[in-house]
Protein backbone atom coordinates (compact mmCIF):
# COMPACT_ATOMS: atom_id res chain seq x y z
CA MET A 1 54.74 -4.64 8.82
CA ILE A 2 55.69 -3.95 12.45
CA PRO A 3 54.18 -7.23 13.82
CA LEU A 4 56.18 -9.17 11.20
CA ILE A 5 59.36 -7.36 12.23
CA VAL A 6 58.76 -8.16 15.91
CA LEU A 7 58.01 -11.80 15.05
CA GLY A 8 61.16 -11.98 12.93
CA ILE A 9 63.32 -10.56 15.72
CA PHE A 10 61.86 -13.04 18.23
CA GLY A 11 62.38 -16.02 15.92
CA ASN A 12 65.93 -15.07 14.96
CA VAL A 13 66.99 -14.47 18.56
CA ASN A 14 65.67 -17.93 19.50
CA ILE A 15 67.61 -19.56 16.66
CA ILE A 16 70.82 -17.75 17.65
CA VAL A 17 70.46 -18.72 21.32
CA ALA A 18 69.70 -22.34 20.41
CA THR A 19 72.71 -22.52 18.08
CA ILE A 20 75.04 -21.16 20.78
CA PHE A 21 73.87 -23.24 23.74
CA HIS A 22 72.81 -26.59 22.19
CA ARG A 23 75.82 -28.79 21.50
CA ASN A 24 73.95 -30.90 18.95
CA LEU A 25 73.69 -27.73 16.83
CA HIS A 26 77.45 -27.15 16.78
CA ASN A 27 77.80 -28.66 13.32
CA GLN A 28 78.68 -26.74 10.19
CA ASN A 29 75.21 -26.48 8.62
CA ALA A 30 73.58 -25.53 11.92
CA ILE A 31 76.22 -22.83 12.43
CA LEU A 32 75.44 -21.45 8.96
CA ILE A 33 71.73 -21.36 9.84
CA GLY A 34 72.63 -19.50 13.03
CA ILE A 35 74.64 -17.01 10.96
CA ILE A 36 71.64 -16.55 8.64
CA ALA A 37 69.49 -15.86 11.72
CA PHE A 38 72.02 -13.24 12.89
CA PHE A 39 72.06 -11.59 9.46
CA ASP A 40 68.28 -11.67 9.30
CA LEU A 41 68.10 -10.12 12.77
CA ILE A 42 70.13 -7.19 11.39
CA SER A 43 67.73 -7.02 8.43
CA CYS A 44 64.72 -6.94 10.78
CA LEU A 45 66.26 -4.10 12.79
CA MET A 46 66.93 -2.16 9.59
CA GLU A 47 63.35 -2.80 8.47
CA GLY A 48 62.23 -1.42 11.82
CA MET A 49 64.23 1.74 11.15
CA ASP A 50 62.64 1.97 7.70
CA ALA A 51 59.16 1.55 9.20
CA ALA A 52 59.90 4.32 11.72
CA LEU A 53 61.00 6.65 8.91
CA ILE A 54 57.81 5.92 6.96
CA LEU A 55 55.54 6.42 9.99
CA THR A 56 57.23 9.73 10.85
CA HIS A 57 57.14 10.90 7.21
CA HIS A 58 60.94 11.10 6.96
CA SER A 59 61.39 8.27 4.46
CA ARG A 60 62.09 10.53 1.47
CA MET A 61 65.81 11.32 1.20
CA PRO A 62 68.68 11.52 -1.33
CA ARG A 63 69.79 8.13 -2.63
CA LYS A 64 73.32 8.71 -1.29
CA LYS A 65 72.09 9.24 2.26
CA CYS A 66 69.80 6.22 1.97
CA PHE A 67 72.66 4.05 0.70
CA HIS A 68 74.85 5.04 3.66
CA LEU A 69 72.02 4.18 6.06
CA ILE A 70 71.40 0.68 4.73
CA ILE A 71 74.80 -0.40 3.45
CA ILE A 72 75.04 -3.06 6.19
CA TYR A 73 71.51 -4.24 5.39
CA LEU A 74 72.42 -4.63 1.72
CA PHE A 75 75.56 -6.60 2.60
CA VAL A 76 73.86 -9.07 4.95
CA PHE A 77 70.89 -9.52 2.59
CA ASN A 78 73.24 -10.55 -0.22
CA CYS A 79 75.19 -12.84 2.10
CA GLU A 80 71.99 -14.55 3.21
CA LEU A 81 71.14 -15.45 -0.37
CA ILE A 82 74.51 -17.10 -1.00
CA ILE A 83 74.43 -19.02 2.29
CA LEU A 84 70.86 -20.21 1.61
CA LEU A 85 71.92 -21.32 -1.86
CA TYR A 86 74.90 -23.22 -0.50
CA ILE A 87 72.80 -24.92 2.20
CA ALA A 88 70.26 -25.94 -0.46
CA PHE A 89 73.06 -27.31 -2.66
CA ASN A 90 74.57 -29.08 0.34
CA ARG A 91 71.25 -30.78 1.17
CA PHE A 92 70.77 -31.63 -2.51
CA VAL A 93 74.12 -33.46 -2.62
CA ALA A 94 73.42 -35.17 0.72
CA VAL A 95 70.11 -36.55 -0.56
CA CYS A 96 71.09 -37.42 -4.13
CA TRP A 97 74.74 -38.49 -3.66
CA PRO A 98 75.16 -39.33 0.05
CA PHE A 99 78.54 -41.04 -0.48
CA ARG A 100 80.00 -37.83 -1.93
CA TYR A 101 78.48 -35.63 0.77
CA GLN A 102 81.53 -35.68 3.05
CA ALA A 103 83.69 -34.28 0.26
CA LEU A 104 81.88 -30.95 0.63
CA HIS A 105 83.04 -30.52 4.20
CA SER A 106 86.30 -29.38 5.71
CA LYS A 107 87.39 -27.49 8.80
CA TYR A 108 87.24 -24.30 6.72
CA TYR A 109 83.71 -25.00 5.47
CA VAL A 110 81.93 -22.14 7.27
CA ILE A 111 84.75 -19.66 6.58
CA GLY A 112 84.72 -20.63 2.89
CA VAL A 113 80.97 -20.08 2.56
CA LEU A 114 81.19 -16.69 4.29
CA PHE A 115 84.08 -15.73 2.00
CA LEU A 116 82.03 -16.60 -1.10
CA ALA A 117 79.07 -14.64 0.29
CA SER A 118 81.28 -11.60 0.85
CA VAL A 119 82.77 -11.88 -2.65
CA PHE A 120 79.23 -11.75 -4.04
CA SER A 121 78.07 -8.89 -1.81
CA ILE A 122 80.93 -6.40 -1.79
CA PRO A 123 81.08 -5.60 -5.56
CA PHE A 124 77.48 -4.33 -5.54
CA ILE A 125 78.35 -1.94 -2.72
CA ILE A 126 81.55 -0.69 -4.35
CA ILE A 127 79.99 -0.21 -7.80
CA ASN A 128 76.98 1.61 -6.34
CA ALA A 129 79.28 3.95 -4.40
CA PHE A 130 81.06 4.91 -7.65
CA LEU A 131 77.83 5.35 -9.66
CA MET A 132 75.89 7.17 -6.94
CA ASP A 133 73.52 9.97 -7.95
CA ALA A 134 71.55 12.60 -6.01
CA GLU A 135 68.04 11.40 -6.90
CA ALA A 136 65.51 11.31 -4.06
CA VAL A 137 64.10 7.92 -3.07
CA ASN A 138 61.10 6.95 -0.99
CA PRO A 139 61.30 4.77 1.06
CA CYS A 140 64.94 4.08 1.87
CA ASP A 141 65.24 0.40 1.04
CA PRO A 142 66.69 -1.89 -1.61
CA PRO A 143 66.44 -1.77 -4.55
CA LEU A 144 65.78 1.98 -4.44
CA ALA A 145 69.08 2.66 -2.66
CA LEU A 146 70.90 1.36 -5.74
CA VAL A 147 71.29 3.42 -8.90
CA PRO A 148 68.79 2.28 -11.59
CA ARG A 149 71.23 0.31 -13.79
CA LEU A 150 72.75 -1.53 -10.86
CA SER A 151 69.35 -1.97 -9.23
CA PHE A 152 68.11 -3.90 -12.27
CA ALA A 153 71.22 -6.12 -12.29
CA TRP A 154 70.98 -6.74 -8.54
CA THR A 155 67.26 -7.53 -8.67
CA SER A 156 67.72 -9.91 -11.60
CA THR A 157 70.60 -11.69 -9.87
CA CYS A 158 68.69 -12.05 -6.60
CA THR A 159 65.64 -13.39 -8.44
CA VAL A 160 67.75 -16.01 -10.25
CA LEU A 161 69.37 -17.09 -6.98
CA GLN A 162 65.96 -17.39 -5.32
CA LEU A 163 64.69 -19.54 -8.18
CA LEU A 164 67.77 -21.78 -7.90
CA ILE A 165 67.17 -22.21 -4.17
CA LEU A 166 63.52 -23.01 -4.86
CA ILE A 167 64.33 -25.56 -7.59
CA LEU A 168 66.93 -27.32 -5.44
CA ASN A 169 64.48 -27.61 -2.55
CA ILE A 170 61.74 -28.95 -4.83
CA VAL A 171 64.13 -31.62 -6.12
CA ILE A 172 65.06 -32.49 -2.51
CA VAL A 173 61.38 -32.87 -1.58
CA ILE A 174 60.75 -35.17 -4.56
CA LYS A 175 63.84 -37.26 -3.77
CA LEU A 176 62.90 -37.58 -0.09
CA PHE A 177 59.36 -38.55 -1.10
CA CYS A 178 60.73 -41.31 -3.33
CA ASN A 179 63.07 -42.50 -0.58
CA SER A 180 60.28 -42.61 2.00
CA LYS A 181 57.91 -44.41 -0.37
CA PHE A 182 60.24 -46.97 -1.92
CA GLY A 183 63.16 -47.10 0.50
CA ASN A 184 63.95 -49.31 3.46
CA LEU A 185 61.01 -49.55 5.88
CA LYS A 186 63.32 -48.84 8.82
CA ASN A 187 64.29 -45.50 7.33
CA GLN A 188 60.89 -44.36 6.08
CA GLY A 189 60.04 -42.44 9.26
CA PHE A 190 63.33 -40.56 9.07
CA HIS A 191 62.82 -39.74 5.39
CA ARG A 192 59.26 -38.53 6.03
CA ASN A 193 60.47 -36.17 8.77
CA ARG A 194 63.18 -34.79 6.49
CA GLN A 195 60.60 -34.49 3.72
CA ARG A 196 58.26 -32.42 5.91
CA MET A 197 61.10 -30.13 6.99
CA THR A 198 62.27 -29.60 3.42
CA LEU A 199 58.70 -29.05 2.18
CA THR A 200 58.26 -26.30 4.77
CA LEU A 201 61.53 -24.69 3.66
CA THR A 202 60.44 -24.96 0.02
CA LEU A 203 57.10 -23.25 0.69
CA MET A 204 58.86 -20.45 2.58
CA THR A 205 61.33 -20.03 -0.28
CA ALA A 206 58.48 -20.00 -2.81
CA LEU A 207 56.66 -17.25 -0.91
CA TYR A 208 59.94 -15.35 -0.64
CA ALA A 209 60.55 -15.64 -4.40
CA VAL A 210 56.98 -14.60 -5.27
CA SER A 211 57.21 -11.53 -3.02
CA MET A 212 60.53 -10.59 -4.61
CA VAL A 213 59.18 -10.85 -8.15
CA THR A 214 55.99 -8.97 -7.20
CA ALA A 215 57.93 -6.11 -5.60
CA THR A 216 60.31 -5.97 -8.55
CA LEU A 217 57.50 -5.79 -11.11
CA LEU A 218 55.62 -3.13 -9.15
CA ILE A 219 58.69 -0.93 -8.80
CA PHE A 220 59.51 -1.41 -12.50
CA ILE A 221 55.96 -0.41 -13.49
CA THR A 222 55.89 2.68 -11.27
CA LYS A 223 59.29 3.78 -12.56
CA ASN A 224 58.52 3.33 -16.27
CA LEU A 225 54.84 4.21 -16.69
CA PRO A 226 53.38 7.75 -16.50
CA ILE A 227 52.18 7.45 -12.91
CA SER A 228 52.01 10.41 -10.57
CA PRO A 229 54.83 10.76 -8.00
CA THR A 230 52.29 10.49 -5.18
CA LEU A 231 51.13 7.08 -6.39
CA GLN A 232 54.75 5.99 -6.90
CA ASP A 233 55.57 6.87 -3.29
CA SER A 234 52.46 5.02 -2.12
CA ASN A 235 53.42 1.88 -4.05
CA ASN A 236 57.01 2.01 -2.85
CA GLN A 237 55.89 2.31 0.76
CA ASN A 238 53.57 -0.70 0.40
CA PHE A 239 56.35 -2.75 -1.22
CA PRO A 240 59.44 -1.18 0.32
CA THR A 241 61.77 -4.13 -0.07
CA LEU A 242 62.38 -7.32 -1.94
CA LYS A 243 62.31 -9.09 1.39
CA SER A 244 58.99 -10.29 2.75
């Protein structure tokens, strides 16, 4: 877990620095990717805190305290999903309907996407604050920081969004493959490069979605079957988050 956190921090810092200092990355989609890297950097730091709590045997705490510790983590995680979905939709329109692509853009493009991401994220935080209970959780990480009813709704919503992102990227890969195979010979190299980039993103999204579903199922099983609390804690520590 710790090597992955360090690798994630290193990669995200590089993306942020590149986005700031390279002028060719000062376009709207590149800025959104830089924002995702910043949000993911926060997530990695919060995961580092969670790992430290587990290693020092302080990961068990009341849900309310846990929620207060990771409220920022929960917000940026939700925002990342919406931004990733919008980028996937944006690429989908660019590939399938290139003449309509410009209609998606305006000078308020980035602000609008961030606003939509916040509108999605904030209600989960507010509702959880009102429904909060005193149950102990271990470790302190989503979805355990959310009350059970809201946790199920949040997990289901995140899974659906991940599947939408995955489907959009698969369609983009297929479309780019068709363009590179049957399109203009002058543009085939460009289409193949875009195809490889999108295929990589699709594989990453697929692994992300699989890890989310696996963690969700494991937590559901340990919460609803007659399993000892010790084994539940062990499973939760091995799959502490829906984020891989």
